[in-house]
Amino acid sequence: MENLEAARLQMAITLIFHIVFACIGMVMPFFMIISHYKWLKTRKKVYLTLTKAWQRGVAIFFVTGAVSGTALSFELGLLWPEFMKHAGPIIGMPFSLEGAAFFVEAIALGFYLYGWQKLPEKFHWFTGVIIGISGVMSGILVVAANGWMNSPSGFTYENGVFSNIDPIAAMLNGAWFTQALHMTLAAFVATGFAVAGIHAYQVYRGRNVELHKKAFRIAIIFASIAALLQPISGDISAKDVAERQPAKLAALEAHYETEKGAPLYIGGIVDEENQEVNYKIEIPKALSFLAFGDFDAEVKGLNDFPKDEQPPVAIVHYAFQIMVGIGTLLAIVGLVYLLSLRFKTWQHNRKFWLLFTLMAPLGYIALEAGWIVTEVGRQPWIIYQVMKTKDAVTPMPGIFYSLITYTSIYIVLTCVVSWLLARQIKVLNQNED
């Protein structure tokens, strides 16, 4: 395996694992503090039990995310030295601020975990709020750095030299807001449905029903609202991609020829050799409207771009279809839950709980697909229109062994976390009064 292939595969595997740990770390504190708030208001023991169970989950994912994130930061220098050589001084600010947010989160978590019956109740609860806010800020700052890779700004690039560096302009690049909004909502959708699904399964099996129903309701409210807002965020992101990265838009929809009134493809099998999509559902002029707000707007096809600047089409198209398809399904299921608050008999049917159990993994599948769209859709660039990925990779041999090592570390981390979470759920069910 060549260095470039090994480096890209290692980065992909690392991000596939880390994004899950990071999103859970961002979102779980909000579930925890809502449960804690309900405990303070009602003094029902079930909320205290749930809060302490969730705080253990928050602690587990904080530690796991710290290990995973540290490994990821070393990878940037190890695998992409040319990228870090030039990009480091430009996008160092969001990474530095992310480090500060991480330390704030760590301090607040320490107060929260060990503050029971030692700190004033309201202050203790507020430390949980700080955990949640700082976690989300960490995620937004990292996404801002990724947004810079898609919409580079804050520097002048001439004759291979980066100069006139403005770190603030780089951090507040053109893509940071749309990506941060979309990613934050996606984190709440994925984690909300995953947590709700785990608790729905326990209700379905009749285990500690009171506690798991309360846990389900807290998680699914966040998930449902975020899922219904996500299509709006997706529309904003799509319009931004259409403006800034037209080649990515063409790959998303597998459009090879430039045309006005371009149709939207739903599904389909990409035939890259013959440059066509078979077995698709075609909605006339819909892509032009969704991308530019005009049914007759021109959408550039892939053939308008040099061959060596075109992203891989099939994987980007399939990932995009998976992301949008699952996102639509979760929005519908979220609406079903909100309607069940009016039609309460729905929740008495075991199939209701089975439905949400089946939804548990889908948010993270959509999340991973979305990151494939973002990263693979930008190829062959690591810094869009500035530096190609092949020019940023390390010349040092032996990256394949690094790939094996990092993959093993993440597999071990995942196994340990899964075991710890299964153990927590078992303890919860054993504590049923």
Protein backbone atom coordinates (compact mmCIF):
# COMPACT_ATOMS: atom_id res chain seq x y z
CA MET A 1 0.00 0.00 0.00
CA GLU A 2 1.38 3.41 -0.98
CA ASN A 3 1.85 6.14 1.61
CA LEU A 4 -0.98 8.29 0.28
CA GLU A 5 -3.47 5.43 0.36
CA ALA A 6 -2.36 4.31 3.82
CA ALA A 7 -2.43 7.87 5.19
CA ARG A 8 -5.90 8.58 3.82
CA LEU A 9 -7.23 5.26 5.09
CA GLN A 10 -5.73 5.86 8.55
CA MET A 11 -7.25 9.34 8.71
CA ALA A 12 -10.62 7.98 7.58
CA ILE A 13 -10.65 5.20 10.18
CA THR A 14 -9.56 7.60 12.92
CA LEU A 15 -12.29 10.10 12.09
CA ILE A 16 -14.94 7.37 11.77
CA PHE A 17 -14.28 6.39 15.40
CA HIS A 18 -13.50 9.83 16.81
CA ILE A 19 -16.58 11.55 15.42
CA VAL A 20 -18.81 9.19 17.41
CA PHE A 21 -16.90 9.73 20.66
CA ALA A 22 -16.84 13.50 20.09
CA CYS A 23 -20.55 13.82 19.31
CA ILE A 24 -21.58 11.82 22.36
CA GLY A 25 -19.26 13.96 24.48
CA MET A 26 -20.89 17.11 23.05
CA VAL A 27 -24.50 16.07 23.57
CA MET A 28 -24.74 13.76 26.60
CA PRO A 29 -24.04 16.55 29.15
CA PHE A 30 -27.27 18.27 28.07
CA PHE A 31 -29.29 15.12 28.77
CA MET A 32 -27.55 14.87 32.13
CA ILE A 33 -28.31 18.43 33.22
CA ILE A 34 -31.98 18.17 32.19
CA SER A 35 -32.32 15.05 34.34
CA HIS A 36 -30.44 16.81 37.14
CA TYR A 37 -32.75 19.83 36.86
CA LYS A 38 -35.80 17.56 37.13
CA TRP A 39 -34.27 15.99 40.24
CA LEU A 40 -33.81 19.41 41.83
CA LYS A 41 -37.40 20.38 41.00
CA THR A 42 -39.22 17.14 41.86
CA ARG A 43 -36.86 15.29 44.22
CA LYS A 44 -37.91 12.05 42.54
CA LYS A 45 -35.21 9.49 43.11
CA VAL A 46 -35.54 8.14 39.57
CA TYR A 47 -34.09 11.39 38.19
CA LEU A 48 -31.17 11.29 40.59
CA THR A 49 -30.42 7.69 39.59
CA LEU A 50 -30.63 8.63 35.91
CA THR A 51 -28.43 11.71 36.36
CA LYS A 52 -25.70 9.73 38.08
CA ALA A 53 -25.89 7.01 35.43
CA TRP A 54 -25.54 9.57 32.66
CA GLN A 55 -22.71 11.38 34.42
CA ARG A 56 -20.73 8.16 34.33
CA GLY A 57 -21.40 7.97 30.60
CA VAL A 58 -20.23 11.56 30.19
CA ALA A 59 -17.04 10.76 32.09
CA ILE A 60 -16.39 7.65 30.00
CA PHE A 61 -16.76 9.52 26.72
CA PHE A 62 -14.78 12.50 27.94
CA VAL A 63 -11.80 10.27 28.65
CA THR A 64 -12.28 8.30 25.43
CA GLY A 65 -12.61 11.50 23.39
CA ALA A 66 -9.47 12.90 25.00
CA VAL A 67 -7.46 9.81 24.07
CA SER A 68 -8.93 9.70 20.57
CA GLY A 69 -8.46 13.44 19.98
CA THR A 70 -4.88 13.36 21.19
CA ALA A 71 -4.09 10.53 18.78
CA LEU A 72 -5.76 12.47 16.00
CA SER A 73 -3.70 15.59 16.66
CA PHE A 74 -0.48 13.55 16.42
CA GLU A 75 -1.73 12.07 13.15
CA LEU A 76 -1.99 15.49 11.52
CA GLY A 77 1.72 16.07 11.98
CA LEU A 78 2.69 12.47 11.32
CA LEU A 79 0.72 11.97 8.11
CA TRP A 80 0.41 15.45 6.65
CA PRO A 81 3.58 17.42 7.50
CA GLU A 82 3.37 19.70 4.46
CA PHE A 83 -0.21 20.60 5.33
CA MET A 84 0.64 21.40 8.96
CA LYS A 85 3.77 23.32 7.93
CA HIS A 86 1.67 25.85 6.03
CA ALA A 87 -1.77 25.52 7.65
CA GLY A 88 -0.59 25.44 11.27
CA PRO A 89 0.17 29.19 11.55
CA ILE A 90 -3.11 30.01 9.77
CA ILE A 91 -5.62 27.79 11.58
CA GLY A 92 -3.77 27.48 14.86
CA MET A 93 -6.27 29.81 16.56
CA PRO A 94 -9.35 27.53 16.48
CA PHE A 95 -7.22 24.59 17.62
CA SER A 96 -5.78 26.65 20.49
CA LEU A 97 -9.22 27.85 21.53
CA GLU A 98 -10.50 24.27 21.29
CA GLY A 99 -7.74 23.28 23.73
CA ALA A 100 -8.88 26.01 26.10
CA ALA A 101 -12.50 24.85 25.85
CA PHE A 102 -11.34 21.29 26.53
CA PHE A 103 -9.59 22.34 29.75
CA VAL A 104 -12.64 24.32 30.88
CA GLU A 105 -14.74 21.22 30.25
CA ALA A 106 -12.26 19.07 32.22
CA ILE A 107 -12.33 21.42 35.21
CA ALA A 108 -16.14 21.65 35.18
CA LEU A 109 -16.41 17.87 34.89
CA GLY A 110 -14.21 17.48 37.96
CA PHE A 111 -16.46 19.84 39.93
CA TYR A 112 -19.54 18.00 38.72
CA LEU A 113 -18.39 14.44 39.39
CA TYR A 114 -17.06 15.15 42.87
CA GLY A 115 -19.37 18.01 43.87
CA TRP A 116 -22.35 15.97 45.06
CA GLN A 117 -23.27 17.07 48.62
CA LYS A 118 -20.15 19.26 48.69
CA LEU A 119 -21.12 22.21 46.46
CA PRO A 120 -24.27 24.37 46.60
CA GLU A 121 -26.90 22.55 44.53
CA LYS A 122 -27.45 25.29 41.95
CA PHE A 123 -23.74 25.87 41.45
CA HIS A 124 -23.20 22.12 41.15
CA TRP A 125 -25.90 21.94 38.48
CA PHE A 126 -24.38 24.93 36.66
CA THR A 127 -21.03 23.16 36.36
CA GLY A 128 -22.92 20.61 34.26
CA VAL A 129 -24.13 23.43 32.00
CA ILE A 130 -20.50 24.52 31.54
CA ILE A 131 -19.57 20.97 30.54
CA GLY A 132 -22.22 21.01 27.82
CA ILE A 133 -21.44 24.48 26.48
CA SER A 134 -17.67 23.95 26.42
CA GLY A 135 -18.14 20.59 24.70
CA VAL A 136 -20.22 22.15 21.93
CA MET A 137 -17.74 25.00 21.60
CA SER A 138 -14.92 22.48 21.17
CA GLY A 139 -16.82 20.83 18.35
CA ILE A 140 -17.63 24.13 16.63
CA LEU A 141 -13.99 25.27 16.78
CA VAL A 142 -12.71 22.03 15.23
CA VAL A 143 -15.36 22.26 12.51
CA ALA A 144 -14.25 25.87 11.86
CA ALA A 145 -10.76 24.53 11.10
CA ASN A 146 -12.28 21.96 8.75
CA GLY A 147 -14.38 24.70 7.15
CA TRP A 148 -11.15 26.55 6.36
CA MET A 149 -9.97 23.52 4.38
CA ASN A 150 -13.16 23.81 2.28
CA SER A 151 -13.14 27.61 2.09
CA PRO A 152 -9.57 28.82 2.73
CA SER A 153 -9.21 32.45 3.76
CA GLY A 154 -7.08 34.70 5.94
CA PHE A 155 -3.88 34.58 3.86
CA THR A 156 -2.32 35.45 0.53
CA TYR A 157 -0.94 32.59 -1.56
CA GLU A 158 1.56 33.46 -4.29
CA ASN A 159 4.28 31.32 -5.88
CA GLY A 160 3.80 28.58 -3.28
CA VAL A 161 4.25 31.00 -0.35
CA PHE A 162 1.62 31.78 2.31
CA SER A 163 1.78 35.38 3.58
CA ASN A 164 -0.34 38.19 5.11
CA ILE A 165 -1.82 35.71 7.58
CA ASP A 166 -5.00 36.77 9.44
CA PRO A 167 -5.92 34.01 11.96
CA ILE A 168 -9.32 35.51 12.77
CA ALA A 169 -10.33 35.71 9.11
CA ALA A 170 -9.13 32.12 8.71
CA MET A 171 -11.19 30.92 11.68
CA LEU A 172 -14.28 32.83 10.53
CA ASN A 173 -14.00 31.48 7.01
CA GLY A 174 -16.93 31.34 4.61
CA ALA A 175 -17.86 27.76 5.42
CA TRP A 176 -17.53 27.72 9.23
CA PHE A 177 -21.09 28.74 10.09
CA THR A 178 -22.92 26.38 7.72
CA GLN A 179 -20.68 23.45 8.68
CA ALA A 180 -20.85 24.18 12.41
CA LEU A 181 -24.65 24.49 12.34
CA HIS A 182 -25.09 21.31 10.33
CA MET A 183 -22.61 19.35 12.44
CA THR A 184 -24.04 20.50 15.79
CA LEU A 185 -27.57 19.56 14.79
CA ALA A 186 -26.29 16.24 13.42
CA ALA A 187 -24.60 15.51 16.76
CA PHE A 188 -27.88 16.06 18.61
CA VAL A 189 -29.84 13.97 16.10
CA ALA A 190 -27.38 11.06 16.13
CA THR A 191 -26.76 10.98 19.87
CA GLY A 192 -30.40 11.72 20.73
CA PHE A 193 -31.74 8.85 18.65
CA ALA A 194 -28.97 6.51 19.82
CA VAL A 195 -29.62 7.19 23.52
CA ALA A 196 -33.38 7.16 23.03
CA GLY A 197 -33.11 3.88 21.13
CA ILE A 198 -31.11 2.21 23.89
CA HIS A 199 -33.68 3.23 26.50
CA ALA A 200 -36.58 2.35 24.16
CA TYR A 201 -35.19 -1.17 23.90
CA GLN A 202 -35.17 -1.49 27.68
CA VAL A 203 -38.81 -0.34 27.79
CA TYR A 204 -39.64 -2.80 25.00
CA ARG A 205 -38.11 -5.58 27.10
CA GLY A 206 -39.92 -4.37 30.23
CA ARG A 207 -36.79 -3.54 32.24
CA ASN A 208 -36.95 -0.71 34.81
CA VAL A 209 -39.65 0.88 32.68
CA GLU A 210 -40.17 4.08 34.71
CA LEU A 211 -36.51 5.11 34.56
CA HIS A 212 -36.00 4.19 30.92
CA LYS A 213 -39.18 5.99 29.83
CA LYS A 214 -37.99 9.18 31.51
CA ALA A 215 -34.55 8.81 29.94
CA PHE A 216 -36.13 8.16 26.54
CA ARG A 217 -38.28 11.29 26.75
CA ILE A 218 -35.36 13.56 27.55
CA ALA A 219 -33.22 12.22 24.70
CA ILE A 220 -35.95 12.00 22.07
CA ILE A 221 -37.12 15.59 22.58
CA PHE A 222 -33.62 16.84 21.69
CA ALA A 223 -33.37 14.38 18.80
CA SER A 224 -36.79 15.14 17.33
CA ILE A 225 -36.38 18.92 17.36
CA ALA A 226 -32.87 18.69 15.90
CA ALA A 227 -34.05 16.23 13.21
CA LEU A 228 -36.82 18.60 12.12
CA LEU A 229 -34.39 21.53 11.98
CA GLN A 230 -31.72 19.57 10.10
CA PRO A 231 -33.34 19.84 6.63
CA ILE A 232 -33.19 23.65 6.97
CA SER A 233 -29.51 23.41 7.88
CA GLY A 234 -28.96 20.98 5.03
CA ASP A 235 -30.51 23.41 2.55
CA ILE A 236 -28.21 26.20 3.76
CA SER A 237 -25.19 23.88 3.47
CA ALA A 238 -26.17 22.70 -0.01
CA LYS A 239 -26.47 26.26 -1.29
CA ASP A 240 -23.06 27.06 0.21
CA VAL A 241 -21.50 24.02 -1.49
CA ALA A 242 -23.11 25.01 -4.79
CA GLU A 243 -21.45 28.41 -4.57
CA ARG A 244 -18.03 27.47 -3.18
CA GLN A 245 -17.44 23.91 -4.40
CA PRO A 246 -19.37 23.30 -7.62
CA ALA A 247 -17.38 20.15 -8.40
CA LYS A 248 -18.49 18.65 -5.07
CA LEU A 249 -22.13 19.48 -5.88
CA ALA A 250 -21.78 17.75 -9.24
CA ALA A 251 -20.34 14.67 -7.52
CA LEU A 252 -23.09 14.66 -4.88
CA GLU A 253 -25.71 14.40 -7.58
CA ALA A 254 -23.55 12.51 -10.11
CA HIS A 255 -24.15 15.18 -12.75
CA TYR A 256 -21.63 14.96 -15.55
CA GLU A 257 -22.99 17.53 -17.99
CA THR A 258 -23.64 21.22 -17.38
CA GLU A 259 -27.29 22.10 -17.85
CA LYS A 260 -29.94 24.63 -16.99
CA GLY A 261 -32.92 23.34 -15.06
CA ALA A 262 -30.87 20.42 -13.74
CA PRO A 263 -32.88 17.51 -12.30
CA LEU A 264 -32.45 16.07 -8.82
CA TYR A 265 -31.55 12.38 -8.64
CA ILE A 266 -32.90 10.17 -5.88
CA GLY A 267 -31.03 6.88 -5.53
CA GLY A 268 -29.56 5.29 -8.61
CA ILE A 269 -26.45 3.29 -9.49
CA VAL A 270 -23.50 5.34 -10.74
CA ASP A 271 -21.76 4.12 -13.87
CA GLU A 272 -18.56 6.18 -13.83
CA GLU A 273 -17.23 4.64 -17.04
CA ASN A 274 -20.27 5.68 -19.11
CA GLN A 275 -20.91 8.79 -16.99
CA GLU A 276 -24.52 8.05 -16.16
CA VAL A 277 -26.78 7.09 -13.27
CA ASN A 278 -29.04 4.08 -13.75
CA TYR A 279 -32.27 3.17 -11.90
CA LYS A 280 -32.63 6.68 -10.44
CA ILE A 281 -35.74 8.68 -9.65
CA GLU A 282 -35.47 12.00 -11.45
CA ILE A 283 -37.23 15.18 -10.30
CA PRO A 284 -37.08 17.75 -13.12
CA LYS A 285 -35.36 21.09 -12.37
CA ALA A 286 -35.28 20.35 -8.63
CA LEU A 287 -31.47 20.49 -8.28
CA SER A 288 -31.30 23.94 -9.89
CA PHE A 289 -33.95 25.19 -7.49
CA LEU A 290 -32.45 23.62 -4.36
CA ALA A 291 -28.94 24.83 -5.21
CA PHE A 292 -29.70 28.33 -6.46
CA GLY A 293 -33.38 29.06 -5.75
CA ASP A 294 -34.14 29.19 -9.48
CA PHE A 295 -35.70 26.33 -11.47
CA ASP A 296 -33.78 27.37 -14.59
CA ALA A 297 -30.38 28.04 -12.96
CA GLU A 298 -27.31 26.48 -14.56
CA VAL A 299 -25.60 23.67 -12.65
CA LYS A 300 -22.07 22.81 -13.71
CA GLY A 301 -21.35 19.19 -14.54
CA LEU A 302 -18.19 17.27 -13.69
CA ASN A 303 -16.99 17.40 -17.28
CA ASP A 304 -16.50 21.15 -16.90
CA PHE A 305 -13.65 20.47 -14.47
CA PRO A 306 -10.22 19.00 -15.24
CA LYS A 307 -10.06 15.25 -14.72
CA ASP A 308 -7.41 15.59 -12.02
CA GLU A 309 -9.63 17.97 -10.04
CA GLN A 310 -12.77 15.83 -9.99
CA PRO A 311 -13.74 14.06 -6.74
CA PRO A 312 -14.66 10.36 -6.76
CA VAL A 313 -18.29 10.27 -7.87
CA ALA A 314 -19.81 6.96 -6.79
CA ILE A 315 -18.80 7.00 -3.11
CA VAL A 316 -19.76 10.68 -2.72
CA HIS A 317 -23.13 10.16 -4.42
CA TYR A 318 -23.97 7.05 -2.37
CA ALA A 319 -22.88 8.67 0.89
CA PHE A 320 -24.98 11.74 0.12
CA GLN A 321 -28.03 9.61 -0.67
CA ILE A 322 -27.59 7.67 2.59
CA MET A 323 -27.22 10.88 4.61
CA VAL A 324 -30.29 12.55 3.10
CA GLY A 325 -32.39 9.38 3.14
CA ILE A 326 -31.71 8.61 6.80
CA GLY A 327 -32.06 12.28 7.75
CA THR A 328 -35.50 12.37 6.15
CA LEU A 329 -36.52 9.14 7.90
CA LEU A 330 -35.37 10.42 11.31
CA ALA A 331 -37.25 13.69 10.80
CA ILE A 332 -40.42 11.70 10.10
CA VAL A 333 -39.86 9.47 13.14
CA GLY A 334 -39.15 12.56 15.26
CA LEU A 335 -42.48 13.98 14.10
CA VAL A 336 -44.13 10.69 15.06
CA TYR A 337 -42.84 11.12 18.62
CA LEU A 338 -44.07 14.72 18.83
CA LEU A 339 -47.49 13.60 17.59
CA SER A 340 -47.50 10.83 20.20
CA LEU A 341 -47.54 13.55 22.86
CA ARG A 342 -51.00 14.37 21.52
CA PHE A 343 -52.07 10.80 20.76
CA LYS A 344 -50.81 9.22 23.96
CA THR A 345 -52.20 5.76 23.22
CA TRP A 346 -49.43 5.29 20.64
CA GLN A 347 -46.92 4.95 23.46
CA HIS A 348 -48.87 2.03 24.91
CA ASN A 349 -48.11 -0.06 21.84
CA ARG A 350 -44.93 -2.16 21.98
CA LYS A 351 -44.34 -1.46 18.28
CA PHE A 352 -43.82 2.21 19.18
CA TRP A 353 -40.83 1.28 21.33
CA LEU A 354 -39.56 -1.19 18.74
CA LEU A 355 -39.63 1.58 16.11
CA PHE A 356 -37.34 3.81 18.18
CA THR A 357 -35.11 0.87 19.04
CA LEU A 358 -34.52 0.32 15.32
CA MET A 359 -33.67 4.00 14.84
CA ALA A 360 -30.79 3.86 17.36
CA PRO A 361 -27.84 3.36 14.98
CA LEU A 362 -29.19 5.30 11.99
CA GLY A 363 -28.18 8.77 13.13
CA TYR A 364 -24.53 7.77 13.36
CA ILE A 365 -24.67 6.05 9.97
CA ALA A 366 -25.96 9.32 8.50
CA LEU A 367 -23.29 11.26 10.40
CA GLU A 368 -20.49 9.10 9.02
CA ALA A 369 -21.95 9.37 5.53
CA GLY A 370 -22.02 13.15 5.90
CA TRP A 371 -18.34 13.28 6.77
CA ILE A 372 -17.54 11.09 3.78
CA VAL A 373 -19.38 13.62 1.62
CA THR A 374 -17.43 16.50 3.19
CA GLU A 375 -13.96 14.96 3.01
CA VAL A 376 -14.08 12.76 -0.10
CA GLY A 377 -16.13 15.39 -1.93
CA ARG A 378 -13.27 17.90 -1.46
CA GLN A 379 -10.71 15.60 -3.08
CA PRO A 380 -8.20 15.84 -4.62
CA TRP A 381 -7.65 18.93 -2.43
CA ILE A 382 -6.61 19.01 1.22
CA ILE A 383 -6.85 22.83 1.08
CA TYR A 384 -9.44 23.59 -1.57
CA GLN A 385 -7.88 25.00 -4.74
CA VAL A 386 -4.57 25.58 -2.90
CA MET A 387 -2.89 22.29 -1.95
CA LYS A 388 -3.60 18.77 -3.16
CA THR A 389 -3.73 15.86 -0.75
CA LYS A 390 -0.93 14.04 -2.54
CA ASP A 391 1.37 17.04 -1.99
CA ALA A 392 0.70 17.13 1.76
CA VAL A 393 1.43 13.50 2.65
CA THR A 394 4.61 12.48 4.48
CA PRO A 395 7.47 11.09 2.36
CA MET A 396 8.52 8.77 5.21
CA PRO A 397 7.98 5.05 4.56
CA GLY A 398 6.12 2.63 6.81
CA ILE A 399 2.77 4.43 7.17
CA PHE A 400 1.06 1.06 6.74
CA TYR A 401 2.36 0.03 10.18
CA SER A 402 1.04 3.26 11.66
CA LEU A 403 -2.32 2.43 10.08
CA ILE A 404 -2.38 -0.98 11.77
CA THR A 405 -1.34 0.49 15.13
CA TYR A 406 -3.92 3.29 15.15
CA THR A 407 -6.70 1.01 13.93
CA SER A 408 -5.92 -1.46 16.73
CA ILE A 409 -6.01 1.35 19.31
CA TYR A 410 -9.42 2.51 18.16
CA ILE A 411 -10.83 -1.01 18.06
CA VAL A 412 -9.64 -1.56 21.63
CA LEU A 413 -11.13 1.79 22.71
CA THR A 414 -14.46 0.89 21.12
CA CYS A 415 -14.55 -2.52 22.80
CA VAL A 416 -13.73 -1.05 26.21
CA VAL A 417 -16.34 1.69 25.88
CA SER A 418 -18.99 -0.79 24.71
CA TRP A 419 -18.26 -3.05 27.68
CA LEU A 420 -18.43 -0.14 30.13
CA LEU A 421 -21.74 1.10 28.71
CA ALA A 422 -23.28 -2.38 28.74
CA ARG A 423 -22.19 -2.67 32.34
CA GLN A 424 -23.82 0.68 33.21
CA ILE A 425 -27.13 -0.39 31.65
CA LYS A 426 -27.01 -3.70 33.52
CA VAL A 427 -26.43 -1.89 36.81
CA LEU A 428 -29.35 0.45 36.07
CA ASN A 429 -31.68 -2.49 35.47
CA GLN A 430 -30.49 -4.24 38.63
CA ASN A 431 -31.32 -1.12 40.66
CA GLU A 432 -35.00 -1.30 39.78
CA ASP A 433 -37.00 -0.83 42.92
